[in-house]
Amino acid sequence: METDRKVYDRQNRFFSEAYHSGKIGWPREGPTRLVSQIIESSIGSVPGTVLEIGSGEGRNLAPFLERGWDVVAMDFLVDPLRMARERISDGGGGRVFFVQGDLFHLPFHPASFDVVFDFGVYHHLRRPEREKYPSWVARLLKPGGLAGLGVFSDLFRHFPEEVRRRNFITHRGHHDVFFKEKDLPALMGRGFSLLSTGEERPGALDHYRLAVYRKNREEP
């Protein structure tokens, strides 16, 4: 799989330094309201196996564990996984496993998961990788499996006066992409059907959109 690794190496250094220094500009604890709401309305309560890509410190794992899901929390960086391990334990019948892994070389067998969940990785990918992303997720999902995708809203601002003329910005060593509601149906490509969407915007740094997609069953 070919990609411009220099871009992502710089980006990984940015996030590694943020975790190491503790100077983190994003929410760290407690599941976002939107994640809990989407899980309740779209994913349901029947336990299965879920992979969270870019799980960070694990703040969005609890709603799955409480419903008895087995969770694989994957992140490229060791520090957030260590923090998550210290905070999170099995609960509600669900088990949690921590995996250091690379989105570009996913270390899982095909059709391993009922749900693949991503709240914050996709919007740091450049266009070539965003175009490949649906096929990476589809490979990991069981037939009819669900993909949850949380991305920056176009309403997101790093600071109140920020003005953007494009739907992306590269700054401080990382790449951010912003999405309107009308963008969501096409993000996962023709292999997925959009089930539901939601929006969360309690503050400037919390303007997110979240969509749930179902993997289309392949024709026999």
N, C-alpha and C. Protein backbone atom coordinates (compact mmCIF):
# COMPACT_ATOMS: atom_id res chain seq x y z
N MET A 1 0.84 -1.19 0.00
CA MET A 1 0.00 0.00 0.00
C MET A 1 0.88 1.24 0.00
N GLU A 2 0.83 2.04 -1.04
CA GLU A 2 1.71 3.18 -1.17
C GLU A 2 1.03 4.44 -0.66
N THR A 3 1.76 5.23 0.08
CA THR A 3 1.24 6.50 0.56
C THR A 3 2.44 7.39 0.88
N ASP A 4 2.20 8.66 1.04
CA ASP A 4 3.27 9.59 1.39
C ASP A 4 3.49 9.50 2.90
N ARG A 5 4.36 8.58 3.31
CA ARG A 5 4.54 8.33 4.73
C ARG A 5 5.16 9.53 5.44
N LYS A 6 5.88 10.40 4.73
CA LYS A 6 6.49 11.54 5.40
C LYS A 6 5.42 12.43 6.03
N VAL A 7 4.31 12.60 5.32
CA VAL A 7 3.22 13.42 5.85
C VAL A 7 2.69 12.81 7.14
N TYR A 8 2.48 11.51 7.12
CA TYR A 8 1.90 10.86 8.29
C TYR A 8 2.93 10.66 9.40
N ASP A 9 4.19 10.55 9.05
CA ASP A 9 5.23 10.51 10.08
C ASP A 9 5.25 11.82 10.86
N ARG A 10 5.14 12.95 10.15
CA ARG A 10 5.09 14.24 10.83
C ARG A 10 3.85 14.33 11.71
N GLN A 11 2.75 13.85 11.19
CA GLN A 11 1.50 13.91 11.93
C GLN A 11 1.57 13.04 13.18
N ASN A 12 2.15 11.87 13.06
CA ASN A 12 2.30 10.99 14.22
C ASN A 12 3.20 11.62 15.27
N ARG A 13 4.24 12.33 14.83
CA ARG A 13 5.11 13.02 15.79
C ARG A 13 4.33 14.10 16.53
N PHE A 14 3.46 14.81 15.81
CA PHE A 14 2.65 15.84 16.46
C PHE A 14 1.81 15.25 17.59
N PHE A 15 1.12 14.17 17.31
CA PHE A 15 0.25 13.57 18.32
C PHE A 15 1.07 12.91 19.43
N SER A 16 2.19 12.32 19.08
CA SER A 16 3.05 11.72 20.10
C SER A 16 3.55 12.77 21.08
N GLU A 17 3.98 13.91 20.55
CA GLU A 17 4.48 14.98 21.41
C GLU A 17 3.35 15.56 22.27
N ALA A 18 2.13 15.61 21.72
CA ALA A 18 1.00 16.12 22.49
C ALA A 18 0.70 15.22 23.67
N TYR A 19 0.66 13.91 23.44
CA TYR A 19 0.41 12.99 24.55
C TYR A 19 1.55 13.00 25.56
N HIS A 20 2.78 13.05 25.07
CA HIS A 20 3.93 13.00 25.96
C HIS A 20 4.00 14.24 26.84
N SER A 21 3.66 15.40 26.28
CA SER A 21 3.74 16.65 27.04
C SER A 21 2.50 16.90 27.88
N GLY A 22 1.40 16.23 27.54
CA GLY A 22 0.14 16.47 28.23
C GLY A 22 -0.61 17.68 27.70
N LYS A 23 -0.06 18.36 26.68
CA LYS A 23 -0.70 19.54 26.10
C LYS A 23 -1.63 19.08 24.98
N ILE A 24 -2.78 18.57 25.40
CA ILE A 24 -3.75 17.98 24.47
C ILE A 24 -4.94 18.91 24.34
N GLY A 25 -5.29 19.25 23.11
CA GLY A 25 -6.35 20.22 22.89
C GLY A 25 -7.70 19.61 22.60
N TRP A 26 -7.88 18.31 22.85
CA TRP A 26 -9.15 17.66 22.56
C TRP A 26 -9.67 17.00 23.83
N PRO A 27 -10.98 16.71 23.91
CA PRO A 27 -11.55 16.07 25.11
C PRO A 27 -10.86 14.75 25.41
N ARG A 28 -10.72 14.45 26.71
CA ARG A 28 -9.94 13.29 27.11
C ARG A 28 -10.75 12.24 27.87
N GLU A 29 -11.82 12.64 28.52
CA GLU A 29 -12.53 11.71 29.38
C GLU A 29 -14.02 11.70 29.07
N GLY A 30 -14.62 10.55 29.25
CA GLY A 30 -16.06 10.41 29.09
C GLY A 30 -16.46 10.33 27.64
N PRO A 31 -17.39 9.42 27.33
CA PRO A 31 -17.83 9.30 25.94
C PRO A 31 -18.57 10.54 25.48
N THR A 32 -18.34 10.95 24.26
CA THR A 32 -19.12 12.04 23.72
C THR A 32 -20.59 11.65 23.65
N ARG A 33 -21.45 12.60 23.90
CA ARG A 33 -22.89 12.34 23.86
C ARG A 33 -23.32 11.74 22.54
N LEU A 34 -22.72 12.23 21.47
CA LEU A 34 -23.11 11.78 20.14
C LEU A 34 -22.79 10.30 19.94
N VAL A 35 -21.66 9.85 20.45
CA VAL A 35 -21.31 8.44 20.32
C VAL A 35 -22.32 7.56 21.05
N SER A 36 -22.64 7.93 22.28
CA SER A 36 -23.63 7.15 23.04
C SER A 36 -24.97 7.12 22.33
N GLN A 37 -25.37 8.24 21.78
CA GLN A 37 -26.66 8.34 21.10
C GLN A 37 -26.69 7.47 19.84
N ILE A 38 -25.63 7.52 19.06
CA ILE A 38 -25.59 6.74 17.83
C ILE A 38 -25.54 5.24 18.13
N ILE A 39 -24.78 4.86 19.15
CA ILE A 39 -24.72 3.45 19.53
C ILE A 39 -26.11 2.96 19.93
N GLU A 40 -26.81 3.76 20.70
CA GLU A 40 -28.13 3.38 21.17
C GLU A 40 -29.12 3.24 20.03
N SER A 41 -29.08 4.16 19.08
CA SER A 41 -30.11 4.20 18.05
C SER A 41 -29.81 3.33 16.84
N SER A 42 -28.52 3.16 16.51
CA SER A 42 -28.18 2.48 15.27
C SER A 42 -27.51 1.13 15.47
N ILE A 43 -26.60 1.06 16.42
CA ILE A 43 -25.83 -0.17 16.59
C ILE A 43 -26.59 -1.18 17.42
N GLY A 44 -27.35 -0.70 18.40
CA GLY A 44 -28.21 -1.59 19.16
C GLY A 44 -27.51 -2.24 20.33
N SER A 45 -28.18 -3.20 20.95
CA SER A 45 -27.72 -3.77 22.21
C SER A 45 -27.23 -5.20 22.10
N VAL A 46 -27.36 -5.83 20.93
CA VAL A 46 -26.91 -7.21 20.78
C VAL A 46 -25.38 -7.22 20.73
N PRO A 47 -24.72 -7.85 21.71
CA PRO A 47 -23.25 -7.78 21.77
C PRO A 47 -22.58 -8.40 20.56
N GLY A 48 -21.43 -7.84 20.24
CA GLY A 48 -20.61 -8.36 19.16
C GLY A 48 -19.18 -7.94 19.41
N THR A 49 -18.42 -7.80 18.34
CA THR A 49 -17.01 -7.41 18.45
C THR A 49 -16.80 -6.12 17.68
N VAL A 50 -16.17 -5.15 18.33
CA VAL A 50 -15.96 -3.85 17.72
C VAL A 50 -14.48 -3.49 17.74
N LEU A 51 -14.02 -2.91 16.65
CA LEU A 51 -12.68 -2.34 16.57
C LEU A 51 -12.82 -0.83 16.56
N GLU A 52 -12.12 -0.15 17.49
CA GLU A 52 -12.03 1.30 17.38
C GLU A 52 -10.65 1.66 16.83
N ILE A 53 -10.66 2.30 15.68
CA ILE A 53 -9.43 2.78 15.05
C ILE A 53 -9.07 4.13 15.65
N GLY A 54 -7.85 4.28 16.13
CA GLY A 54 -7.45 5.54 16.74
C GLY A 54 -8.17 5.75 18.06
N SER A 55 -8.12 4.76 18.93
CA SER A 55 -8.91 4.80 20.17
C SER A 55 -8.39 5.81 21.17
N GLY A 56 -7.14 6.28 21.01
CA GLY A 56 -6.61 7.27 21.93
C GLY A 56 -6.63 6.75 23.36
N GLU A 57 -7.09 7.59 24.28
CA GLU A 57 -7.15 7.22 25.69
C GLU A 57 -8.42 6.43 26.04
N GLY A 58 -9.19 6.10 25.02
CA GLY A 58 -10.31 5.18 25.23
C GLY A 58 -11.59 5.79 25.75
N ARG A 59 -11.77 7.08 25.56
CA ARG A 59 -12.95 7.71 26.18
C ARG A 59 -14.27 7.26 25.59
N ASN A 60 -14.26 6.70 24.38
CA ASN A 60 -15.51 6.27 23.77
C ASN A 60 -15.75 4.76 23.84
N LEU A 61 -14.96 4.06 24.65
CA LEU A 61 -15.10 2.61 24.73
C LEU A 61 -16.22 2.17 25.67
N ALA A 62 -16.48 2.96 26.71
CA ALA A 62 -17.42 2.53 27.76
C ALA A 62 -18.80 2.15 27.24
N PRO A 63 -19.42 2.92 26.31
CA PRO A 63 -20.76 2.53 25.86
C PRO A 63 -20.81 1.14 25.23
N PHE A 64 -19.72 0.73 24.59
CA PHE A 64 -19.68 -0.62 24.01
C PHE A 64 -19.51 -1.66 25.11
N LEU A 65 -18.57 -1.45 26.02
CA LEU A 65 -18.31 -2.41 27.08
C LEU A 65 -19.53 -2.60 27.97
N GLU A 66 -20.23 -1.51 28.26
CA GLU A 66 -21.41 -1.59 29.12
C GLU A 66 -22.52 -2.43 28.49
N ARG A 67 -22.51 -2.53 27.18
CA ARG A 67 -23.52 -3.34 26.47
C ARG A 67 -23.03 -4.75 26.17
N GLY A 68 -21.88 -5.10 26.74
CA GLY A 68 -21.39 -6.46 26.60
C GLY A 68 -20.56 -6.73 25.37
N TRP A 69 -20.16 -5.68 24.66
CA TRP A 69 -19.35 -5.87 23.46
C TRP A 69 -17.91 -6.17 23.84
N ASP A 70 -17.25 -7.00 23.02
CA ASP A 70 -15.79 -7.15 23.10
C ASP A 70 -15.18 -6.07 22.23
N VAL A 71 -14.24 -5.33 22.80
CA VAL A 71 -13.68 -4.16 22.13
C VAL A 71 -12.20 -4.34 21.89
N VAL A 72 -11.77 -4.09 20.67
CA VAL A 72 -10.35 -3.99 20.35
C VAL A 72 -10.03 -2.51 20.16
N ALA A 73 -9.22 -1.97 21.06
CA ALA A 73 -8.83 -0.56 21.00
C ALA A 73 -7.48 -0.47 20.33
N MET A 74 -7.44 0.12 19.14
CA MET A 74 -6.20 0.20 18.38
C MET A 74 -5.75 1.64 18.20
N ASP A 75 -4.48 1.87 18.45
CA ASP A 75 -3.90 3.18 18.19
C ASP A 75 -2.48 2.98 17.69
N PHE A 76 -2.01 3.94 16.92
CA PHE A 76 -0.64 3.87 16.40
C PHE A 76 0.37 4.16 17.49
N LEU A 77 -0.04 4.94 18.51
CA LEU A 77 0.88 5.41 19.53
C LEU A 77 0.74 4.61 20.82
N VAL A 78 1.86 4.43 21.51
CA VAL A 78 1.88 3.65 22.74
C VAL A 78 1.31 4.45 23.91
N ASP A 79 1.64 5.74 24.01
CA ASP A 79 1.23 6.52 25.19
C ASP A 79 -0.26 6.52 25.43
N PRO A 80 -1.12 6.82 24.43
CA PRO A 80 -2.55 6.80 24.72
C PRO A 80 -3.06 5.41 25.06
N LEU A 81 -2.48 4.37 24.48
CA LEU A 81 -2.89 3.01 24.83
C LEU A 81 -2.55 2.69 26.28
N ARG A 82 -1.38 3.15 26.72
CA ARG A 82 -1.00 2.95 28.12
C ARG A 82 -1.96 3.68 29.04
N MET A 83 -2.32 4.90 28.69
CA MET A 83 -3.26 5.66 29.50
C MET A 83 -4.62 4.98 29.53
N ALA A 84 -5.05 4.48 28.38
CA ALA A 84 -6.34 3.80 28.32
C ALA A 84 -6.34 2.54 29.17
N ARG A 85 -5.25 1.80 29.13
CA ARG A 85 -5.15 0.57 29.91
C ARG A 85 -5.27 0.86 31.41
N GLU A 86 -4.71 2.00 31.84
CA GLU A 86 -4.77 2.36 33.25
C GLU A 86 -6.17 2.79 33.67
N ARG A 87 -6.96 3.30 32.73
CA ARG A 87 -8.29 3.84 33.06
C ARG A 87 -9.42 2.85 32.88
N ILE A 88 -9.24 1.94 31.94
CA ILE A 88 -10.38 1.15 31.47
C ILE A 88 -10.17 -0.32 31.79
N SER A 89 -11.24 -0.95 32.21
CA SER A 89 -11.21 -2.39 32.45
C SER A 89 -12.45 -3.01 31.82
N ASP A 90 -12.48 -4.33 31.77
CA ASP A 90 -13.65 -5.02 31.25
C ASP A 90 -14.88 -4.61 32.07
N GLY A 91 -16.02 -4.59 31.42
CA GLY A 91 -17.23 -4.22 32.16
C GLY A 91 -18.48 -4.58 31.40
N GLY A 92 -19.54 -4.89 32.14
CA GLY A 92 -20.83 -5.19 31.53
C GLY A 92 -20.82 -6.45 30.70
N GLY A 93 -19.86 -7.34 30.95
CA GLY A 93 -19.76 -8.56 30.15
C GLY A 93 -18.85 -8.42 28.96
N GLY A 94 -18.46 -7.19 28.62
CA GLY A 94 -17.57 -6.97 27.49
C GLY A 94 -16.11 -7.01 27.92
N ARG A 95 -15.25 -7.39 27.00
CA ARG A 95 -13.82 -7.42 27.25
C ARG A 95 -13.11 -6.41 26.36
N VAL A 96 -11.99 -5.90 26.83
CA VAL A 96 -11.24 -4.92 26.05
C VAL A 96 -9.82 -5.43 25.82
N PHE A 97 -9.35 -5.25 24.59
CA PHE A 97 -8.01 -5.65 24.19
C PHE A 97 -7.33 -4.43 23.56
N PHE A 98 -6.08 -4.19 23.92
CA PHE A 98 -5.36 -3.03 23.43
C PHE A 98 -4.32 -3.48 22.40
N VAL A 99 -4.32 -2.82 21.24
CA VAL A 99 -3.43 -3.21 20.14
C VAL A 99 -2.76 -1.97 19.57
N GLN A 100 -1.43 -2.00 19.49
CA GLN A 100 -0.73 -0.96 18.76
C GLN A 100 -0.73 -1.38 17.29
N GLY A 101 -1.31 -0.55 16.44
CA GLY A 101 -1.45 -0.93 15.04
C GLY A 101 -1.46 0.27 14.13
N ASP A 102 -1.24 0.01 12.86
CA ASP A 102 -1.12 1.04 11.83
C ASP A 102 -2.31 0.90 10.88
N LEU A 103 -3.03 1.99 10.69
CA LEU A 103 -4.16 1.99 9.77
C LEU A 103 -3.77 1.50 8.38
N PHE A 104 -2.55 1.80 7.97
CA PHE A 104 -2.12 1.43 6.62
C PHE A 104 -1.67 -0.03 6.52
N HIS A 105 -1.56 -0.69 7.66
CA HIS A 105 -1.19 -2.11 7.68
C HIS A 105 -1.98 -2.77 8.81
N LEU A 106 -3.28 -2.83 8.66
CA LEU A 106 -4.15 -3.30 9.74
C LEU A 106 -3.85 -4.76 10.08
N PRO A 107 -3.58 -5.04 11.36
CA PRO A 107 -3.11 -6.37 11.75
C PRO A 107 -4.25 -7.32 12.13
N PHE A 108 -5.28 -7.42 11.29
CA PHE A 108 -6.44 -8.25 11.62
C PHE A 108 -6.85 -9.09 10.41
N HIS A 109 -7.47 -10.22 10.71
CA HIS A 109 -7.97 -11.09 9.65
C HIS A 109 -9.23 -10.48 9.03
N PRO A 110 -9.53 -10.81 7.79
CA PRO A 110 -10.77 -10.33 7.17
C PRO A 110 -12.00 -10.78 7.95
N ALA A 111 -13.04 -9.95 7.90
CA ALA A 111 -14.34 -10.27 8.51
C ALA A 111 -14.20 -10.59 10.00
N SER A 112 -13.41 -9.81 10.72
CA SER A 112 -13.17 -10.05 12.15
C SER A 112 -14.15 -9.32 13.05
N PHE A 113 -14.84 -8.29 12.53
CA PHE A 113 -15.59 -7.40 13.42
C PHE A 113 -17.02 -7.18 12.94
N ASP A 114 -17.90 -6.99 13.92
CA ASP A 114 -19.28 -6.58 13.62
C ASP A 114 -19.37 -5.09 13.40
N VAL A 115 -18.51 -4.34 14.08
CA VAL A 115 -18.49 -2.88 13.98
C VAL A 115 -17.04 -2.41 13.91
N VAL A 116 -16.77 -1.48 13.01
CA VAL A 116 -15.51 -0.74 13.01
C VAL A 116 -15.86 0.72 13.26
N PHE A 117 -15.26 1.27 14.30
CA PHE A 117 -15.61 2.61 14.76
C PHE A 117 -14.39 3.51 14.70
N ASP A 118 -14.58 4.73 14.21
CA ASP A 118 -13.49 5.68 14.05
C ASP A 118 -14.02 7.06 14.41
N PHE A 119 -13.57 7.59 15.54
CA PHE A 119 -13.98 8.93 15.94
C PHE A 119 -12.73 9.80 16.00
N GLY A 120 -12.22 10.19 14.81
CA GLY A 120 -11.12 11.14 14.83
C GLY A 120 -9.89 10.80 14.02
N VAL A 121 -9.93 9.75 13.20
CA VAL A 121 -8.79 9.43 12.35
C VAL A 121 -9.04 9.86 10.91
N TYR A 122 -10.21 9.53 10.40
CA TYR A 122 -10.52 9.80 8.99
C TYR A 122 -10.28 11.25 8.62
N HIS A 123 -10.62 12.18 9.52
CA HIS A 123 -10.48 13.59 9.16
C HIS A 123 -9.03 14.09 9.21
N HIS A 124 -8.09 13.20 9.52
CA HIS A 124 -6.68 13.56 9.42
C HIS A 124 -6.01 12.91 8.20
N LEU A 125 -6.80 12.26 7.36
CA LEU A 125 -6.25 11.61 6.18
C LEU A 125 -6.34 12.54 4.97
N ARG A 126 -5.37 12.42 4.08
CA ARG A 126 -5.44 13.17 2.83
C ARG A 126 -6.30 12.40 1.84
N ARG A 127 -6.63 13.05 0.73
CA ARG A 127 -7.61 12.47 -0.20
C ARG A 127 -7.25 11.06 -0.68
N PRO A 128 -5.99 10.78 -1.10
CA PRO A 128 -5.72 9.41 -1.59
C PRO A 128 -6.03 8.34 -0.56
N GLU A 129 -5.73 8.60 0.71
CA GLU A 129 -6.00 7.61 1.75
C GLU A 129 -7.49 7.57 2.11
N ARG A 130 -8.17 8.71 2.03
CA ARG A 130 -9.62 8.70 2.28
C ARG A 130 -10.34 7.87 1.22
N GLU A 131 -9.83 7.90 0.00
CA GLU A 131 -10.46 7.12 -1.06
C GLU A 131 -10.25 5.63 -0.87
N LYS A 132 -9.15 5.23 -0.25
CA LYS A 132 -8.88 3.82 0.00
C LYS A 132 -9.54 3.32 1.28
N TYR A 133 -9.82 4.23 2.17
CA TYR A 133 -10.30 3.89 3.51
C TYR A 133 -11.51 2.95 3.51
N PRO A 134 -12.55 3.19 2.69
CA PRO A 134 -13.71 2.27 2.72
C PRO A 134 -13.35 0.82 2.45
N SER A 135 -12.39 0.59 1.56
CA SER A 135 -12.01 -0.80 1.26
C SER A 135 -11.26 -1.42 2.44
N TRP A 136 -10.49 -0.61 3.17
CA TRP A 136 -9.80 -1.14 4.35
C TRP A 136 -10.81 -1.59 5.40
N VAL A 137 -11.82 -0.74 5.63
CA VAL A 137 -12.83 -1.06 6.63
C VAL A 137 -13.70 -2.23 6.18
N ALA A 138 -14.10 -2.23 4.91
CA ALA A 138 -14.96 -3.30 4.41
C ALA A 138 -14.30 -4.66 4.57
N ARG A 139 -13.00 -4.71 4.38
CA ARG A 139 -12.28 -5.98 4.52
C ARG A 139 -12.40 -6.53 5.93
N LEU A 140 -12.42 -5.66 6.94
CA LEU A 140 -12.43 -6.10 8.33
C LEU A 140 -13.82 -6.47 8.83
N LEU A 141 -14.86 -5.96 8.15
CA LEU A 141 -16.23 -6.16 8.63
C LEU A 141 -16.82 -7.48 8.16
N LYS A 142 -17.64 -8.05 9.03
CA LYS A 142 -18.44 -9.21 8.64
C LYS A 142 -19.52 -8.74 7.67
N PRO A 143 -20.13 -9.66 6.92
CA PRO A 143 -21.23 -9.27 6.02
C PRO A 143 -22.32 -8.52 6.79
N GLY A 144 -22.73 -7.38 6.27
CA GLY A 144 -23.75 -6.59 6.94
C GLY A 144 -23.26 -5.81 8.14
N GLY A 145 -21.94 -5.80 8.37
CA GLY A 145 -21.38 -5.09 9.53
C GLY A 145 -21.54 -3.59 9.41
N LEU A 146 -21.29 -2.90 10.53
CA LEU A 146 -21.51 -1.45 10.60
C LEU A 146 -20.19 -0.71 10.76
N ALA A 147 -20.14 0.46 10.16
CA ALA A 147 -19.00 1.37 10.30
C ALA A 147 -19.50 2.68 10.91
N GLY A 148 -18.89 3.11 12.01
CA GLY A 148 -19.20 4.40 12.62
C GLY A 148 -18.06 5.35 12.36
N LEU A 149 -18.37 6.52 11.83
CA LEU A 149 -17.34 7.46 11.41
C LEU A 149 -17.63 8.84 12.00
N GLY A 150 -16.75 9.30 12.88
CA GLY A 150 -16.87 10.63 13.46
C GLY A 150 -15.83 11.56 12.87
N VAL A 151 -16.26 12.70 12.34
CA VAL A 151 -15.36 13.61 11.63
C VAL A 151 -15.61 15.05 12.06
N PHE A 152 -14.63 15.90 11.80
CA PHE A 152 -14.79 17.32 12.06
C PHE A 152 -15.92 17.89 11.21
N SER A 153 -16.78 18.66 11.84
CA SER A 153 -17.79 19.41 11.11
C SER A 153 -17.16 20.63 10.44
N ASP A 154 -17.81 21.13 9.41
CA ASP A 154 -17.36 22.38 8.79
C ASP A 154 -17.51 23.56 9.76
N LEU A 155 -18.24 23.36 10.87
CA LEU A 155 -18.40 24.40 11.88
C LEU A 155 -17.26 24.43 12.88
N PHE A 156 -16.40 23.43 12.84
CA PHE A 156 -15.26 23.35 13.75
C PHE A 156 -14.32 24.54 13.51
N ARG A 157 -13.84 25.13 14.60
CA ARG A 157 -12.84 26.19 14.52
C ARG A 157 -11.76 25.95 15.56
N HIS A 158 -10.50 26.08 15.16
CA HIS A 158 -9.41 25.96 16.10
C HIS A 158 -9.37 27.17 17.04
N PHE A 159 -9.84 28.31 16.56
CA PHE A 159 -9.95 29.52 17.36
C PHE A 159 -11.09 30.33 16.74
N PRO A 160 -11.75 31.17 17.52
CA PRO A 160 -12.97 31.84 17.05
C PRO A 160 -12.82 32.60 15.75
N GLU A 161 -11.66 33.19 15.49
CA GLU A 161 -11.49 34.03 14.31
C GLU A 161 -11.01 33.25 13.09
N GLU A 162 -10.89 31.95 13.21
CA GLU A 162 -10.34 31.17 12.10
C GLU A 162 -11.22 31.27 10.86
N VAL A 163 -10.59 31.56 9.72
CA VAL A 163 -11.29 31.62 8.44
C VAL A 163 -10.62 30.62 7.50
N ARG A 164 -11.44 29.76 6.89
CA ARG A 164 -10.89 28.77 5.94
C ARG A 164 -11.57 28.95 4.59
N ARG A 165 -10.78 28.91 3.53
CA ARG A 165 -11.33 29.02 2.18
C ARG A 165 -11.46 27.66 1.51
N ARG A 166 -10.92 26.63 2.17
CA ARG A 166 -11.03 25.27 1.66
C ARG A 166 -11.54 24.38 2.78
N ASN A 167 -11.84 23.13 2.45
CA ASN A 167 -12.37 22.23 3.47
C ASN A 167 -11.27 21.49 4.22
N PHE A 168 -10.03 21.96 4.10
CA PHE A 168 -8.93 21.33 4.84
C PHE A 168 -7.90 22.39 5.21
N ILE A 169 -7.07 22.02 6.16
CA ILE A 169 -5.98 22.89 6.58
C ILE A 169 -4.86 22.01 7.10
N THR A 170 -3.63 22.37 6.79
CA THR A 170 -2.47 21.69 7.34
C THR A 170 -1.74 22.67 8.23
N HIS A 171 -1.59 22.34 9.49
CA HIS A 171 -0.97 23.26 10.44
C HIS A 171 -0.38 22.47 11.59
N ARG A 172 0.63 23.02 12.20
CA ARG A 172 1.27 22.44 13.37
C ARG A 172 1.60 20.95 13.16
N GLY A 173 1.94 20.61 11.94
CA GLY A 173 2.40 19.26 11.68
C GLY A 173 1.32 18.23 11.46
N HIS A 174 0.06 18.67 11.31
CA HIS A 174 -0.98 17.69 11.01
C HIS A 174 -2.02 18.27 10.06
N HIS A 175 -2.82 17.37 9.50
CA HIS A 175 -3.76 17.68 8.42
C HIS A 175 -5.18 17.49 8.95
N ASP A 176 -6.03 18.53 8.84
CA ASP A 176 -7.43 18.47 9.27
C ASP A 176 -8.34 18.68 8.06
N VAL A 177 -9.38 17.86 7.97
CA VAL A 177 -10.38 17.99 6.91
C VAL A 177 -11.73 18.18 7.59
N PHE A 178 -12.59 19.01 6.99
CA PHE A 178 -13.87 19.37 7.59
C PHE A 178 -15.01 19.02 6.64
N PHE A 179 -16.13 18.54 7.20
CA PHE A 179 -17.19 17.98 6.37
C PHE A 179 -18.54 18.60 6.69
N LYS A 180 -19.30 18.85 5.62
CA LYS A 180 -20.68 19.27 5.75
C LYS A 180 -21.59 18.04 5.82
N GLU A 181 -22.80 18.25 6.29
CA GLU A 181 -23.72 17.12 6.40
C GLU A 181 -23.95 16.45 5.04
N LYS A 182 -23.99 17.26 3.99
CA LYS A 182 -24.25 16.71 2.66
C LYS A 182 -23.11 15.83 2.16
N ASP A 183 -21.93 15.94 2.80
CA ASP A 183 -20.79 15.13 2.39
C ASP A 183 -20.88 13.69 2.89
N LEU A 184 -21.61 13.47 3.97
CA LEU A 184 -21.55 12.19 4.68
C LEU A 184 -21.98 10.98 3.86
N PRO A 185 -23.07 11.06 3.06
CA PRO A 185 -23.50 9.84 2.36
C PRO A 185 -22.42 9.21 1.49
N ALA A 186 -21.52 10.00 0.94
CA ALA A 186 -20.55 9.48 -0.02
C ALA A 186 -19.21 9.07 0.60
N LEU A 187 -19.01 9.35 1.89
CA LEU A 187 -17.68 9.16 2.46
C LEU A 187 -17.21 7.71 2.41
N MET A 188 -18.13 6.76 2.61
CA MET A 188 -17.73 5.35 2.65
C MET A 188 -17.95 4.63 1.33
N GLY A 189 -18.30 5.36 0.29
CA GLY A 189 -18.36 4.77 -1.04
C GLY A 189 -19.58 3.89 -1.29
N ARG A 190 -19.59 3.27 -2.46
CA ARG A 190 -20.75 2.49 -2.89
C ARG A 190 -20.92 1.17 -2.16
N GLY A 191 -19.88 0.75 -1.46
CA GLY A 191 -19.98 -0.51 -0.74
C GLY A 191 -20.70 -0.42 0.58
N PHE A 192 -21.14 0.82 0.94
CA PHE A 192 -21.82 1.04 2.21
C PHE A 192 -23.09 1.86 1.99
N SER A 193 -24.08 1.63 2.87
CA SER A 193 -25.31 2.42 2.86
C SER A 193 -25.37 3.23 4.15
N LEU A 194 -25.69 4.51 4.04
CA LEU A 194 -25.80 5.38 5.21
C LEU A 194 -27.06 5.05 5.99
N LEU A 195 -26.91 4.81 7.31
CA LEU A 195 -28.06 4.50 8.16
C LEU A 195 -28.54 5.69 8.96
N SER A 196 -27.61 6.45 9.54
CA SER A 196 -28.01 7.57 10.38
C SER A 196 -26.86 8.55 10.52
N THR A 197 -27.20 9.79 10.89
CA THR A 197 -26.20 10.83 11.12
C THR A 197 -26.57 11.60 12.37
N GLY A 198 -25.61 12.27 12.91
CA GLY A 198 -25.84 13.14 14.06
C GLY A 198 -24.81 14.24 14.07
N GLU A 199 -25.06 15.24 14.90
CA GLU A 199 -24.16 16.39 14.97
C GLU A 199 -24.00 16.78 16.43
N GLU A 200 -22.77 17.12 16.78
CA GLU A 200 -22.49 17.55 18.15
C GLU A 200 -21.67 18.82 18.10
N ARG A 201 -22.17 19.85 18.77
CA ARG A 201 -21.44 21.12 18.74
C ARG A 201 -21.63 21.92 20.02
N PRO A 202 -21.18 21.36 21.14
CA PRO A 202 -21.28 22.11 22.39
C PRO A 202 -20.26 23.23 22.51
N GLY A 203 -19.16 23.14 21.75
CA GLY A 203 -18.12 24.15 21.81
C GLY A 203 -17.30 24.13 20.54
N ALA A 204 -16.44 25.13 20.36
CA ALA A 204 -15.70 25.27 19.11
C ALA A 204 -14.89 24.03 18.76
N LEU A 205 -14.29 23.38 19.77
CA LEU A 205 -13.46 22.22 19.52
C LEU A 205 -14.25 20.92 19.53
N ASP A 206 -15.56 21.01 19.63
CA ASP A 206 -16.39 19.80 19.69
C ASP A 206 -17.43 19.76 18.59
N HIS A 207 -17.18 20.43 17.50
CA HIS A 207 -18.10 20.41 16.37
C HIS A 207 -17.80 19.17 15.53
N TYR A 208 -18.57 18.13 15.77
CA TYR A 208 -18.36 16.86 15.07
C TYR A 208 -19.62 16.43 14.34
N ARG A 209 -19.41 15.66 13.31
CA ARG A 209 -20.50 14.93 12.66
C ARG A 209 -20.17 13.45 12.77
N LEU A 210 -21.21 12.65 13.01
CA LEU A 210 -21.00 11.22 13.11
C LEU A 210 -22.02 10.51 12.25
N ALA A 211 -21.55 9.54 11.48
CA ALA A 211 -22.44 8.79 10.60
C ALA A 211 -22.24 7.30 10.83
N VAL A 212 -23.31 6.54 10.67
CA VAL A 212 -23.25 5.09 10.76
C VAL A 212 -23.64 4.51 9.42
N TYR A 213 -22.84 3.58 8.92
CA TYR A 213 -23.04 2.96 7.61
C TYR A 213 -23.14 1.45 7.79
N ARG A 214 -23.89 0.83 6.90
CA ARG A 214 -23.93 -0.63 6.87
C ARG A 214 -23.19 -1.11 5.62
N LYS A 215 -22.34 -2.09 5.83
CA LYS A 215 -21.64 -2.70 4.71
C LYS A 215 -22.65 -3.47 3.85
N ASN A 216 -22.69 -3.15 2.57
CA ASN A 216 -23.61 -3.84 1.68
C ASN A 216 -23.19 -5.28 1.50
N ARG A 217 -24.17 -6.17 1.54
CA ARG A 217 -23.87 -7.59 1.33
C ARG A 217 -23.53 -7.84 -0.12
N GLU A 218 -22.51 -8.59 -0.33
CA GLU A 218 -22.10 -8.89 -1.70
C GLU A 218 -23.08 -9.87 -2.33
N GLU A 219 -23.34 -9.63 -3.62
CA GLU A 219 -24.23 -10.52 -4.33
C GLU A 219 -23.58 -11.88 -4.51
N PRO A 220 -24.34 -13.00 -4.31
CA PRO A 220 -23.74 -14.33 -4.48
C PRO A 220 -23.35 -14.59 -5.92
